[in-house]
Protein backbone atom coordinates (compact mmCIF):
# COMPACT_ATOMS: atom_id res chain seq x y z
CA MET A 1 -1.61 13.73 12.36
CA PRO A 2 -0.67 12.05 8.90
CA ARG A 3 -2.27 8.36 9.24
CA ARG A 4 -0.33 4.89 9.61
CA PRO A 5 -0.74 3.22 6.79
CA LEU A 6 -3.57 -0.41 7.69
CA LEU A 7 -2.98 -3.88 7.54
CA LEU A 8 -5.77 -6.05 7.73
CA VAL A 9 -3.87 -9.48 9.36
CA VAL A 10 -6.21 -12.46 8.15
CA GLU A 11 -5.07 -15.82 10.79
CA ASP A 12 -6.94 -18.37 12.66
CA ASP A 13 -4.17 -19.09 15.08
CA LYS A 14 -4.47 -16.50 17.66
CA VAL A 15 -1.36 -16.44 19.78
CA LEU A 16 0.22 -15.79 16.51
CA ARG A 17 -2.44 -13.18 14.84
CA ASP A 18 -2.02 -11.02 18.70
CA LEU A 19 1.89 -11.36 17.89
CA TYR A 20 1.76 -9.74 14.78
CA ARG A 21 -0.77 -7.53 15.47
CA VAL A 22 0.95 -6.31 18.63
CA ALA A 23 4.51 -6.10 16.77
CA LEU A 24 3.16 -4.44 13.51
CA SER A 25 1.27 -1.75 15.68
CA LEU A 26 4.84 -0.74 17.74
CA SER A 27 6.48 -0.93 14.27
CA HIS A 28 3.61 2.24 13.36
CA PHE A 29 1.11 0.12 11.60
CA ALA A 30 -2.22 0.33 12.17
CA VAL A 31 -3.71 -2.96 12.88
CA HIS A 32 -7.02 -4.94 11.79
CA ALA A 33 -6.87 -8.26 12.40
CA CYS A 34 -9.51 -10.97 11.24
CA GLU A 35 -9.64 -15.06 12.32
CA ASP A 36 -11.65 -15.68 9.23
CA GLY A 37 -12.18 -15.42 5.28
CA LEU A 38 -15.89 -14.32 6.37
CA ASP A 39 -15.13 -11.47 9.00
CA ALA A 40 -11.87 -10.14 7.22
CA LEU A 41 -14.61 -9.95 3.66
CA HIS A 42 -17.18 -7.89 6.12
CA TYR A 43 -14.02 -5.75 6.44
CA LEU A 44 -13.18 -5.23 3.04
CA ASP A 45 -16.71 -4.57 2.31
CA GLN A 46 -16.58 -1.21 5.15
CA SER A 47 -12.36 -0.19 4.32
CA ARG A 48 -9.31 -0.71 2.09
CA PRO A 49 -6.69 -1.50 3.76
CA ASP A 50 -2.81 -0.50 2.90
CA VAL A 51 -1.90 -4.08 2.67
CA ILE A 52 -3.32 -7.93 3.45
CA VAL A 53 -1.51 -10.18 5.76
CA LEU A 54 -2.75 -13.87 4.49
CA ASP A 55 -3.31 -17.04 5.85
CA LEU A 56 -3.98 -19.49 3.32
CA ASP A 57 -5.10 -22.29 6.18
CA LEU A 58 -8.07 -20.85 7.58
CA PRO A 59 -12.00 -21.89 8.49
CA ARG A 60 -15.21 -21.46 6.73
CA ILE A 61 -13.68 -19.69 3.95
CA SER A 62 -10.12 -20.94 2.71
CA GLY A 63 -7.19 -18.17 2.00
CA THR A 64 -7.51 -19.45 -1.67
CA VAL A 65 -10.83 -18.87 -2.30
CA LEU A 66 -10.12 -15.56 0.12
CA TYR A 67 -7.62 -13.79 -2.44
CA GLU A 68 -9.59 -14.83 -5.37
CA GLU A 69 -12.43 -12.73 -3.91
CA ILE A 70 -10.62 -10.10 -2.79
CA ARG A 71 -8.81 -9.79 -6.77
CA ALA A 72 -12.79 -9.62 -7.91
CA ARG A 73 -13.41 -6.67 -5.64
CA ARG A 74 -13.07 -3.49 -6.86
CA ARG A 75 -12.36 -1.87 -3.73
CA ALA A 76 -9.26 -4.47 -2.90
CA ASP A 77 -8.75 -5.39 -6.34
CA ARG A 78 -4.87 -4.04 -5.84
CA VAL A 79 -3.96 -3.94 -2.62
CA PRO A 80 -0.65 -5.67 -2.11
CA ILE A 81 -1.01 -9.21 -0.23
CA ILE A 82 1.40 -11.05 1.69
CA VAL A 83 0.38 -14.87 2.43
CA VAL A 84 2.05 -16.20 5.06
CA THR A 85 1.37 -20.19 4.87
CA GLY A 86 2.82 -22.98 6.36
CA LEU A 87 0.83 -25.58 3.52
CA PRO A 88 3.41 -27.55 1.84
CA GLU A 89 1.94 -26.64 -1.48
CA ILE A 90 0.62 -23.02 -2.68
CA PRO A 91 -1.39 -22.21 -5.17
CA PRO A 92 -0.57 -20.23 -7.72
CA LEU A 93 -0.94 -16.62 -6.44
CA PRO A 94 -0.87 -13.96 -9.01
CA GLY A 95 1.16 -11.05 -7.44
CA ALA A 96 1.16 -11.93 -4.32
CA VAL A 97 3.95 -12.46 -1.77
CA VAL A 98 5.03 -15.19 -0.26
CA LEU A 99 6.20 -16.29 2.89
CA ARG A 100 6.50 -19.41 4.45
CA LYS A 101 5.93 -20.61 8.69
CA PRO A 102 7.42 -20.14 10.45
CA VAL A 103 8.09 -16.06 9.70
CA THR A 104 9.07 -13.53 12.73
CA PRO A 105 7.47 -10.44 13.08
CA ASP A 106 11.07 -8.77 12.06
CA GLN A 107 10.70 -10.74 8.85
CA LEU A 108 7.17 -9.74 8.15
CA ILE A 109 7.73 -6.50 9.15
CA LYS A 110 10.66 -6.03 6.22
CA GLU A 111 8.61 -7.53 3.61
CA ILE A 112 5.30 -5.33 4.44
CA GLU A 113 7.41 -2.60 4.63
CA GLU A 114 9.01 -3.34 0.72
CA THR A 115 6.33 -3.98 -0.50
CA LEU A 116 5.00 -0.46 0.10
CA VAL A 117 8.30 1.29 -1.26
CA ARG A 118 7.37 -1.48 -4.61
CA ARG A 119 3.98 0.07 -4.94
CA ASP A 120 2.32 2.83 -7.27
CA ARG A 121 5.43 5.62 -7.06
CA GLN A 122 3.29 8.28 -8.77
CA TRP A 123 -0.20 9.56 -9.44
CA LEU A 124 -2.19 11.88 -11.75
CA TYR A 125 -4.83 13.74 -9.47
CA ALA A 126 -7.23 15.80 -12.12
CA ARG A 127 -10.20 18.83 -11.19
CA GLY A 128 -11.26 20.05 -14.84
CA LYS A 129 -7.72 22.32 -16.21
CA GLN A 130 -5.76 21.86 -12.84
CA SER A 131 -3.84 18.88 -12.11
CA VAL A 132 -2.15 17.43 -9.25
CA LEU A 133 1.18 15.19 -10.01
CA LEU A 134 2.38 13.46 -7.26
CA PHE A 135 5.83 11.61 -6.57
CA ARG A 136 7.04 8.77 -3.75
CA VAL A 137 10.81 8.54 -3.94
CA ALA A 138 12.41 5.92 -1.11
CA TYR A 139 15.73 5.98 -1.13
CA PRO A 140 17.40 2.48 0.51
CA GLY A 141 17.87 3.19 3.87
CA PRO A 142 15.20 5.05 6.65
CA ASN A 143 14.90 8.22 4.34
CA ALA A 144 11.98 8.96 1.78
CA ARG A 145 10.38 12.00 -0.12
CA LEU A 146 7.18 12.91 -1.22
CA LEU A 147 6.96 15.41 -3.98
CA VAL A 148 4.15 16.95 -4.90
CA PHE A 149 3.78 18.97 -8.57
CA GLY A 150 0.51 21.44 -8.95
CA PRO A 151 -2.11 22.90 -9.07
CA GLY A 152 -0.29 25.09 -11.43
CA ARG A 153 3.32 25.88 -10.93
CA ALA A 154 3.18 25.53 -7.38
CA SER A 155 5.53 22.70 -6.30
CA GLN A 156 6.36 20.72 -2.19
CA ASP A 157 9.17 18.45 -1.41
CA HIS A 158 8.76 17.20 1.82
CA ASP A 159 11.94 14.73 3.82
CA CYS A 160 9.74 12.08 5.40
CA SER A 161 11.59 10.62 8.84
CA ASP A 162 10.78 6.95 6.92
CA LEU A 163 8.44 5.20 4.45
CA VAL A 164 5.96 4.92 6.86
CA ASP A 165 6.11 8.46 7.36
CA CYS A 166 5.75 9.32 3.63
CA PHE A 167 3.03 6.98 3.29
CA GLY A 168 1.04 8.62 5.58
CA LEU A 169 1.92 11.88 4.65
CA GLN A 170 0.97 11.09 0.68
CA ALA A 171 -2.79 9.83 2.63
CA GLU A 172 -3.37 12.76 4.00
CA ILE A 173 -2.05 15.42 1.15
CA GLU A 174 -4.60 12.32 -1.10
CA ARG A 175 -8.04 13.03 1.12
CA GLU A 176 -7.36 16.54 0.89
CA LEU A 177 -7.54 16.39 -2.86
CA VAL A 178 -10.63 14.30 -3.21
CA ALA A 179 -12.42 16.61 -0.76
CA GLU A 180 -11.57 19.64 -2.96
CA GLY A 181 -12.97 17.31 -6.16
CA TYR A 182 -9.77 15.89 -7.45
CA GLN A 183 -9.69 12.83 -9.08
CA LEU A 184 -7.42 10.65 -9.73
CA LEU A 185 -6.60 9.34 -13.27
CA ALA A 186 -3.28 7.31 -13.94
CA ARG A 187 -0.81 5.84 -11.90
CA ASP A 188 2.57 4.34 -12.74
CA ARG A 189 2.88 0.75 -11.68
CA ARG A 190 6.78 -0.61 -12.16
CA SER A 191 7.20 -3.77 -12.91
CA GLY A 192 10.99 -5.39 -13.02
CA ARG A 193 14.37 -3.34 -12.63
CA ASP A 194 12.14 -0.76 -12.76
CA ARG A 195 10.28 -1.69 -9.28
CA ARG A 196 14.01 -0.97 -7.53
CA ALA A 197 14.70 2.00 -9.10
CA VAL A 198 13.80 5.68 -8.06
CA ALA A 199 10.98 7.57 -9.01
CA ARG A 200 12.54 10.77 -10.01
CA ALA A 201 10.55 13.10 -12.24
CA GLY A 202 12.12 14.82 -15.36
CA ASN A 203 12.21 18.23 -15.95
CA ASP A 204 10.57 18.00 -19.07
CA ARG A 205 7.50 15.95 -17.12
CA ARG A 206 7.43 18.96 -14.42
CA ARG A 207 7.06 22.07 -17.37
CA GLU A 208 4.53 18.90 -19.15
CA LEU A 209 2.69 19.72 -15.71
CA ALA A 210 3.08 23.55 -15.06
CA GLU A 211 1.57 23.58 -18.67
CA LEU A 212 -1.80 21.37 -18.15
CA SER A 213 -2.00 22.70 -14.88
CA ALA A 214 -1.61 26.90 -15.97
């Protein structure tokens, strides 16, 4: 069964933390919840979530300090962060999405799904002269596709029931590639209007990959 996207929720309000945990779990996400920054750092030493939901007004370690610690860690520096806060003044948090409380579970789920869509769309794995290129194509609405080119002239086109299904399938394929000795060489991070564009594999790129992998 494909892995569900893993979320780390850092929220000291127990009622709100439990509400998010239940709602996100029912939306087919795997959720780990922490009540303060120290617990979150201990968890990040062991695991790499797909998205972090972060409150800023936390005990022991403030959310701002925790944000800086996350960005300084190699295992977590690329993990998208969604800040959910009631603070009147918010310090600069480059790259983070900021939602102001009150935030309903539906609003948070929508933002998490959009954040996953905006993530890297293209990944190139290589082992010696063999390479595998992954494209995740997220259309508006429930449908999504995962395209896999390689090794050699092999290709796969996976239709997914929704983005969560596509994301889990991608994680499963990537784990298999790593287990077989492949290493991630490059990824395509889109910005600006390109983030909203549908990622498509052109014929020239397919030929280039096939020649590289042959």
